[in-house]
Amino acid sequence: MAASISVKAVPERILRRLRARAARSRRSLQRELLVILEEAALAEPLAPADLLRRVRALGLRTPSESARMVREDRDAR
């Protein structure tokens, strides 16, 4: 059985990004939101070992390195 969901008070900046994402995917906003919900609901949680493997693949070794990467990404925007 399908159900309808309503999300109220979505900030304008989020709505703009969702609309842009839907347009890039050539989907309606409604369909794009359903795709996002499906991906989130069906995603398998990462085991700690898998998460550690992903972090190491990024080349992070210490908290200060990760903080530096976050700062660089933020400042690039």
PDB file of N, CA and C in Angstrom:
ATOM      1  N   MET A   1       0.844  -1.171   0.000  1.00  0.00           N
ATOM      2  CA  MET A   1       0.000   0.000   0.000  1.00  0.00           C
ATOM      3  C   MET A   1       0.894   1.241   0.000  1.00  0.00           C
ATOM      4  N   ALA A   2       0.635   2.152  -0.881  1.00  0.00           N
ATOM      5  CA  ALA A   2       1.395   3.403  -0.974  1.00  0.00           C
ATOM      6  C   ALA A   2       0.784   4.446  -0.052  1.00  0.00           C
ATOM      7  N   ALA A   3       1.612   5.365   0.378  1.00  0.00           N
ATOM      8  CA  ALA A   3       1.154   6.451   1.250  1.00  0.00           C
ATOM      9  C   ALA A   3       1.715   7.759   0.739  1.00  0.00           C
ATOM     10  N   SER A   4       1.056   8.835   1.089  1.00  0.00           N
ATOM     11  CA  SER A   4       1.542  10.172   0.745  1.00  0.00           C
ATOM     12  C   SER A   4       2.234  10.763   1.955  1.00  0.00           C
ATOM     13  N   ILE A   5       3.315  11.481   1.699  1.00  0.00           N
ATOM     14  CA  ILE A   5       4.080  12.137   2.755  1.00  0.00           C
ATOM     15  C   ILE A   5       4.167  13.609   2.422  1.00  0.00           C
ATOM     16  N   SER A   6       4.021  14.440   3.415  1.00  0.00           N
ATOM     17  CA  SER A   6       4.123  15.884   3.217  1.00  0.00           C
ATOM     18  C   SER A   6       5.260  16.418   4.078  1.00  0.00           C
ATOM     19  N   VAL A   7       6.106  17.233   3.475  1.00  0.00           N
ATOM     20  CA  VAL A   7       7.205  17.864   4.205  1.00  0.00           C
ATOM     21  C   VAL A   7       6.942  19.360   4.179  1.00  0.00           C
ATOM     22  N   LYS A   8       6.819  19.950   5.337  1.00  0.00           N
ATOM     23  CA  LYS A   8       6.491  21.365   5.438  1.00  0.00           C
ATOM     24  C   LYS A   8       7.732  22.194   5.753  1.00  0.00           C
ATOM     25  N   ALA A   9       7.677  23.449   5.375  1.00  0.00           N
ATOM     26  CA  ALA A   9       8.707  24.441   5.717  1.00  0.00           C
ATOM     27  C   ALA A   9      10.099  24.055   5.214  1.00  0.00           C
ATOM     28  N   VAL A  10      10.168  23.593   3.972  1.00  0.00           N
ATOM     29  CA  VAL A  10      11.465  23.276   3.371  1.00  0.00           C
ATOM     30  C   VAL A  10      12.151  24.600   3.041  1.00  0.00           C
ATOM     31  N   PRO A  11      13.368  24.811   3.533  1.00  0.00           N
ATOM     32  CA  PRO A  11      14.066  26.063   3.237  1.00  0.00           C
ATOM     33  C   PRO A  11      14.252  26.245   1.722  1.00  0.00           C
ATOM     34  N   GLU A  12      14.154  27.477   1.280  1.00  0.00           N
ATOM     35  CA  GLU A  12      14.239  27.785  -0.151  1.00  0.00           C
ATOM     36  C   GLU A  12      15.529  27.257  -0.778  1.00  0.00           C
ATOM     37  N   ARG A  13      16.641  27.375  -0.073  1.00  0.00           N
ATOM     38  CA  ARG A  13      17.923  26.918  -0.646  1.00  0.00           C
ATOM     39  C   ARG A  13      17.920  25.410  -0.873  1.00  0.00           C
ATOM     40  N   ILE A  14      17.261  24.660   0.013  1.00  0.00           N
ATOM     41  CA  ILE A  14      17.161  23.209  -0.156  1.00  0.00           C
ATOM     42  C   ILE A  14      16.240  22.886  -1.330  1.00  0.00           C
ATOM     43  N   LEU A  15      15.137  23.593  -1.416  1.00  0.00           N
ATOM     44  CA  LEU A  15      14.190  23.384  -2.504  1.00  0.00           C
ATOM     45  C   LEU A  15      14.841  23.656  -3.855  1.00  0.00           C
ATOM     46  N   ARG A  16      15.642  24.723  -3.941  1.00  0.00           N
ATOM     47  CA  ARG A  16      16.350  25.036  -5.194  1.00  0.00           C
ATOM     48  C   ARG A  16      17.287  23.896  -5.584  1.00  0.00           C
ATOM     49  N   ARG A  17      18.009  23.386  -4.606  1.00  0.00           N
ATOM     50  CA  ARG A  17      18.956  22.296  -4.903  1.00  0.00           C
ATOM     51  C   ARG A  17      18.224  21.021  -5.318  1.00  0.00           C
ATOM     52  N   LEU A  18      17.107  20.733  -4.670  1.00  0.00           N
ATOM     53  CA  LEU A  18      16.332  19.548  -5.044  1.00  0.00           C
ATOM     54  C   LEU A  18      15.764  19.688  -6.459  1.00  0.00           C
ATOM     55  N   ARG A  19      15.270  20.867  -6.780  1.00  0.00           N
ATOM     56  CA  ARG A  19      14.748  21.096  -8.140  1.00  0.00           C
ATOM     57  C   ARG A  19      15.858  20.964  -9.178  1.00  0.00           C
ATOM     58  N   ALA A  20      17.031  21.498  -8.872  1.00  0.00           N
ATOM     59  CA  ALA A  20      18.158  21.400  -9.801  1.00  0.00           C
ATOM     60  C   ALA A  20      18.573  19.940  -9.982  1.00  0.00           C
ATOM     61  N   ARG A  21      18.601  19.201  -8.881  1.00  0.00           N
ATOM     62  CA  ARG A  21      18.956  17.777  -8.959  1.00  0.00           C
ATOM     63  C   ARG A  21      17.942  17.025  -9.816  1.00  0.00           C
ATOM     64  N   ALA A  22      16.659  17.326  -9.620  1.00  0.00           N
ATOM     65  CA  ALA A  22      15.612  16.674 -10.410  1.00  0.00           C
ATOM     66  C   ALA A  22      15.770  17.015 -11.891  1.00  0.00           C
ATOM     67  N   ALA A  23      16.059  18.266 -12.194  1.00  0.00           N
ATOM     68  CA  ALA A  23      16.227  18.679 -13.591  1.00  0.00           C
ATOM     69  C   ALA A  23      17.419  17.968 -14.232  1.00  0.00           C
ATOM     70  N   ARG A  24      18.522  17.856 -13.492  1.00  0.00           N
ATOM     71  CA  ARG A  24      19.701  17.157 -14.026  1.00  0.00           C
ATOM     72  C   ARG A  24      19.386  15.697 -14.334  1.00  0.00           C
ATOM     73  N   SER A  25      18.515  15.107 -13.530  1.00  0.00           N
ATOM     74  CA  SER A  25      18.142  13.700 -13.709  1.00  0.00           C
ATOM     75  C   SER A  25      16.963  13.527 -14.663  1.00  0.00           C
ATOM     76  N   ARG A  26      16.450  14.664 -15.141  1.00  0.00           N
ATOM     77  CA  ARG A  26      15.269  14.661 -16.024  1.00  0.00           C
ATOM     78  C   ARG A  26      14.083  13.962 -15.370  1.00  0.00           C
ATOM     79  N   ARG A  27      13.879  14.313 -14.097  1.00  0.00           N
ATOM     80  CA  ARG A  27      12.753  13.771 -13.342  1.00  0.00           C
ATOM     81  C   ARG A  27      11.953  14.919 -12.757  1.00  0.00           C
ATOM     82  N   SER A  28      10.720  14.621 -12.416  1.00  0.00           N
ATOM     83  CA  SER A  28       9.929  15.604 -11.676  1.00  0.00           C
ATOM     84  C   SER A  28      10.478  15.696 -10.261  1.00  0.00           C
ATOM     85  N   LEU A  29      10.144  16.769  -9.578  1.00  0.00           N
ATOM     86  CA  LEU A  29      10.575  16.906  -8.191  1.00  0.00           C
ATOM     87  C   LEU A  29      10.012  15.757  -7.357  1.00  0.00           C
ATOM     88  N   GLN A  30       8.779  15.406  -7.589  1.00  0.00           N
ATOM     89  CA  GLN A  30       8.140  14.303  -6.857  1.00  0.00           C
ATOM     90  C   GLN A  30       8.911  12.994  -7.053  1.00  0.00           C
ATOM     91  N   ARG A  31       9.267  12.695  -8.295  1.00  0.00           N
ATOM     92  CA  ARG A  31       9.994  11.451  -8.574  1.00  0.00           C
ATOM     93  C   ARG A  31      11.396  11.488  -7.963  1.00  0.00           C
ATOM     94  N   GLU A  32      12.050  12.644  -8.037  1.00  0.00           N
ATOM     95  CA  GLU A  32      13.391  12.772  -7.465  1.00  0.00           C
ATOM     96  C   GLU A  32      13.355  12.545  -5.955  1.00  0.00           C
ATOM     97  N   LEU A  33      12.357  13.096  -5.292  1.00  0.00           N
ATOM     98  CA  LEU A  33      12.228  12.891  -3.845  1.00  0.00           C
ATOM     99  C   LEU A  33      11.997  11.422  -3.523  1.00  0.00           C
ATOM    100  N   LEU A  34      11.203  10.740  -4.339  1.00  0.00           N
ATOM    101  CA  LEU A  34      10.970   9.320  -4.116  1.00  0.00           C
ATOM    102  C   LEU A  34      12.262   8.524  -4.304  1.00  0.00           C
ATOM    103  N   VAL A  35      13.063   8.877  -5.304  1.00  0.00           N
ATOM    104  CA  VAL A  35      14.351   8.207  -5.523  1.00  0.00           C
ATOM    105  C   VAL A  35      15.258   8.403  -4.308  1.00  0.00           C
ATOM    106  N   ILE A  36      15.316   9.624  -3.788  1.00  0.00           N
ATOM    107  CA  ILE A  36      16.148   9.913  -2.608  1.00  0.00           C
ATOM    108  C   ILE A  36      15.673   9.087  -1.415  1.00  0.00           C
ATOM    109  N   LEU A  37      14.374   9.045  -1.203  1.00  0.00           N
ATOM    110  CA  LEU A  37      13.828   8.255  -0.087  1.00  0.00           C
ATOM    111  C   LEU A  37      14.126   6.765  -0.264  1.00  0.00           C
ATOM    112  N   GLU A  38      13.970   6.259  -1.484  1.00  0.00           N
ATOM    113  CA  GLU A  38      14.262   4.837  -1.731  1.00  0.00           C
ATOM    114  C   GLU A  38      15.726   4.528  -1.437  1.00  0.00           C
ATOM    115  N   GLU A  39      16.628   5.376  -1.930  1.00  0.00           N
ATOM    116  CA  GLU A  39      18.054   5.144  -1.700  1.00  0.00           C
ATOM    117  C   GLU A  39      18.382   5.148  -0.208  1.00  0.00           C
ATOM    118  N   ALA A  40      17.809   6.091   0.518  1.00  0.00           N
ATOM    119  CA  ALA A  40      18.084   6.185   1.955  1.00  0.00           C
ATOM    120  C   ALA A  40      17.493   5.002   2.714  1.00  0.00           C
ATOM    121  N   ALA A  41      16.294   4.606   2.358  1.00  0.00           N
ATOM    122  CA  ALA A  41      15.619   3.528   3.086  1.00  0.00           C
ATOM    123  C   ALA A  41      16.219   2.159   2.788  1.00  0.00           C
ATOM    124  N   LEU A  42      16.732   1.977   1.574  1.00  0.00           N
ATOM    125  CA  LEU A  42      17.218   0.664   1.176  1.00  0.00           C
ATOM    126  C   LEU A  42      18.723   0.495   1.329  1.00  0.00           C
ATOM    127  N   ALA A  43      19.415   1.563   1.662  1.00  0.00           N
ATOM    128  CA  ALA A  43      20.875   1.489   1.809  1.00  0.00           C
ATOM    129  C   ALA A  43      21.235   0.591   2.986  1.00  0.00           C
ATOM    130  N   GLU A  44      22.206  -0.242   2.749  1.00  0.00           N
ATOM    131  CA  GLU A  44      22.697  -1.110   3.818  1.00  0.00           C
ATOM    132  C   GLU A  44      23.634  -0.309   4.712  1.00  0.00           C
ATOM    133  N   PRO A  45      23.483  -0.413   6.017  1.00  0.00           N
ATOM    134  CA  PRO A  45      24.402   0.303   6.906  1.00  0.00           C
ATOM    135  C   PRO A  45      25.821  -0.253   6.754  1.00  0.00           C
ATOM    136  N   LEU A  46      26.790   0.638   6.862  1.00  0.00           N
ATOM    137  CA  LEU A  46      28.183   0.218   6.745  1.00  0.00           C
ATOM    138  C   LEU A  46      28.652  -0.441   8.030  1.00  0.00           C
ATOM    139  N   ALA A  47      29.340  -1.548   7.877  1.00  0.00           N
ATOM    140  CA  ALA A  47      29.995  -2.175   9.029  1.00  0.00           C
ATOM    141  C   ALA A  47      31.186  -1.299   9.402  1.00  0.00           C
ATOM    142  N   PRO A  48      31.577  -1.275  10.660  1.00  0.00           N
ATOM    143  CA  PRO A  48      32.718  -0.441  11.069  1.00  0.00           C
ATOM    144  C   PRO A  48      33.970  -0.677  10.224  1.00  0.00           C
ATOM    145  N   ALA A  49      34.246  -1.923   9.872  1.00  0.00           N
ATOM    146  CA  ALA A  49      35.435  -2.223   9.062  1.00  0.00           C
ATOM    147  C   ALA A  49      35.324  -1.592   7.680  1.00  0.00           C
ATOM    148  N   ASP A  50      34.111  -1.591   7.091  1.00  0.00           N
ATOM    149  CA  ASP A  50      33.907  -0.975   5.780  1.00  0.00           C
ATOM    150  C   ASP A  50      34.074   0.537   5.859  1.00  0.00           C
ATOM    151  N   LEU A  51      33.563   1.126   6.920  1.00  0.00           N
ATOM    152  CA  LEU A  51      33.705   2.564   7.114  1.00  0.00           C
ATOM    153  C   LEU A  51      35.180   2.938   7.260  1.00  0.00           C
ATOM    154  N   LEU A  52      35.903   2.181   8.034  1.00  0.00           N
ATOM    155  CA  LEU A  52      37.335   2.433   8.216  1.00  0.00           C
ATOM    156  C   LEU A  52      38.070   2.307   6.878  1.00  0.00           C
ATOM    157  N   ARG A  53      37.701   1.331   6.083  1.00  0.00           N
ATOM    158  CA  ARG A  53      38.313   1.131   4.772  1.00  0.00           C
ATOM    159  C   ARG A  53      38.064   2.351   3.873  1.00  0.00           C
ATOM    160  N   ARG A  54      36.851   2.897   3.913  1.00  0.00           N
ATOM    161  CA  ARG A  54      36.533   4.092   3.119  1.00  0.00           C
ATOM    162  C   ARG A  54      37.320   5.304   3.578  1.00  0.00           C
ATOM    163  N   VAL A  55      37.431   5.467   4.885  1.00  0.00           N
ATOM    164  CA  VAL A  55      38.199   6.593   5.431  1.00  0.00           C
ATOM    165  C   VAL A  55      39.653   6.477   5.010  1.00  0.00           C
ATOM    166  N   ARG A  56      40.214   5.303   5.108  1.00  0.00           N
ATOM    167  CA  ARG A  56      41.623   5.103   4.713  1.00  0.00           C
ATOM    168  C   ARG A  56      41.812   5.308   3.217  1.00  0.00           C
ATOM    169  N   ALA A  57      40.802   4.946   2.422  1.00  0.00           N
ATOM    170  CA  ALA A  57      40.896   5.146   0.973  1.00  0.00           C
ATOM    171  C   ALA A  57      40.985   6.639   0.636  1.00  0.00           C
ATOM    172  N   LEU A  58      40.427   7.481   1.491  1.00  0.00           N
ATOM    173  CA  LEU A  58      40.516   8.932   1.303  1.00  0.00           C
ATOM    174  C   LEU A  58      41.887   9.467   1.698  1.00  0.00           C
ATOM    175  N   GLY A  59      42.670   8.628   2.325  1.00  0.00           N
ATOM    176  CA  GLY A  59      44.004   9.045   2.726  1.00  0.00           C
ATOM    177  C   GLY A  59      44.057   9.758   4.062  1.00  0.00           C
ATOM    178  N   LEU A  60      43.003   9.658   4.855  1.00  0.00           N
ATOM    179  CA  LEU A  60      42.975  10.320   6.154  1.00  0.00           C
ATOM    180  C   LEU A  60      43.676   9.450   7.188  1.00  0.00           C
ATOM    181  N   ARG A  61      44.513  10.057   7.970  1.00  0.00           N
ATOM    182  CA  ARG A  61      45.229   9.302   8.994  1.00  0.00           C
ATOM    183  C   ARG A  61      44.980   9.859  10.399  1.00  0.00           C
ATOM    184  N   THR A  62      44.744  11.162  10.496  1.00  0.00           N
ATOM    185  CA  THR A  62      44.538  11.782  11.808  1.00  0.00           C
ATOM    186  C   THR A  62      43.340  12.716  11.752  1.00  0.00           C
ATOM    187  N   PRO A  63      42.755  13.039  12.918  1.00  0.00           N
ATOM    188  CA  PRO A  63      41.641  13.994  12.929  1.00  0.00           C
ATOM    189  C   PRO A  63      42.032  15.358  12.345  1.00  0.00           C
ATOM    190  N   SER A  64      43.275  15.776  12.538  1.00  0.00           N
ATOM    191  CA  SER A  64      43.668  17.084  12.006  1.00  0.00           C
ATOM    192  C   SER A  64      43.674  17.072  10.481  1.00  0.00           C
ATOM    193  N   GLU A  65      44.020  15.939   9.873  1.00  0.00           N
ATOM    194  CA  GLU A  65      43.980  15.841   8.415  1.00  0.00           C
ATOM    195  C   GLU A  65      42.549  15.948   7.903  1.00  0.00           C
ATOM    196  N   SER A  66      41.634  15.277   8.580  1.00  0.00           N
ATOM    197  CA  SER A  66      40.244  15.350   8.134  1.00  0.00           C
ATOM    198  C   SER A  66      39.689  16.754   8.327  1.00  0.00           C
ATOM    199  N   ALA A  67      40.052  17.407   9.423  1.00  0.00           N
ATOM    200  CA  ALA A  67      39.603  18.788   9.656  1.00  0.00           C
ATOM    201  C   ALA A  67      40.139  19.710   8.566  1.00  0.00           C
ATOM    202  N   ARG A  68      41.381  19.496   8.157  1.00  0.00           N
ATOM    203  CA  ARG A  68      41.980  20.304   7.094  1.00  0.00           C
ATOM    204  C   ARG A  68      41.217  20.106   5.788  1.00  0.00           C
ATOM    205  N   MET A  69      40.879  18.860   5.474  1.00  0.00           N
ATOM    206  CA  MET A  69      40.149  18.588   4.235  1.00  0.00           C
ATOM    207  C   MET A  69      38.767  19.236   4.254  1.00  0.00           C
ATOM    208  N   VAL A  70      38.090  19.187   5.380  1.00  0.00           N
ATOM    209  CA  VAL A  70      36.772  19.810   5.497  1.00  0.00           C
ATOM    210  C   VAL A  70      36.897  21.315   5.311  1.00  0.00           C
ATOM    211  N   ARG A  71      37.908  21.925   5.956  1.00  0.00           N
ATOM    212  CA  ARG A  71      38.135  23.373   5.816  1.00  0.00           C
ATOM    213  C   ARG A  71      38.406  23.762   4.370  1.00  0.00           C
ATOM    214  N   GLU A  72      39.261  22.996   3.707  1.00  0.00           N
ATOM    215  CA  GLU A  72      39.583  23.284   2.308  1.00  0.00           C
ATOM    216  C   GLU A  72      38.345  23.181   1.424  1.00  0.00           C
ATOM    217  N   ASP A  73      37.541  22.174   1.642  1.00  0.00           N
ATOM    218  CA  ASP A  73      36.325  22.027   0.873  1.00  0.00           C
ATOM    219  C   ASP A  73      35.364  23.174   1.124  1.00  0.00           C
ATOM    220  N   ARG A  74      35.203  23.543   2.388  1.00  0.00           N
ATOM    221  CA  ARG A  74      34.310  24.644   2.745  1.00  0.00           C
ATOM    222  C   ARG A  74      34.784  25.959   2.136  1.00  0.00           C
ATOM    223  N   ASP A  75      36.086  26.221   2.215  1.00  0.00           N
ATOM    224  CA  ASP A  75      36.640  27.478   1.706  1.00  0.00           C
ATOM    225  C   ASP A  75      36.593  27.553   0.187  1.00  0.00           C
ATOM    226  N   ALA A  76      36.542  26.406  -0.488  1.00  0.00           N
ATOM    227  CA  ALA A  76      36.498  26.385  -1.946  1.00  0.00           C
ATOM    228  C   ALA A  76      35.135  26.795  -2.476  1.00  0.00           C
ATOM    229  N   ARG A  77      34.125  26.825  -1.639  1.00  0.00           N
ATOM    230  CA  ARG A  77      32.755  27.149  -2.083  1.00  0.00           C
ATOM    231  C   ARG A  77      32.534  28.608  -2.150  1.00  0.00           C
TER     232      ARG A  77
END
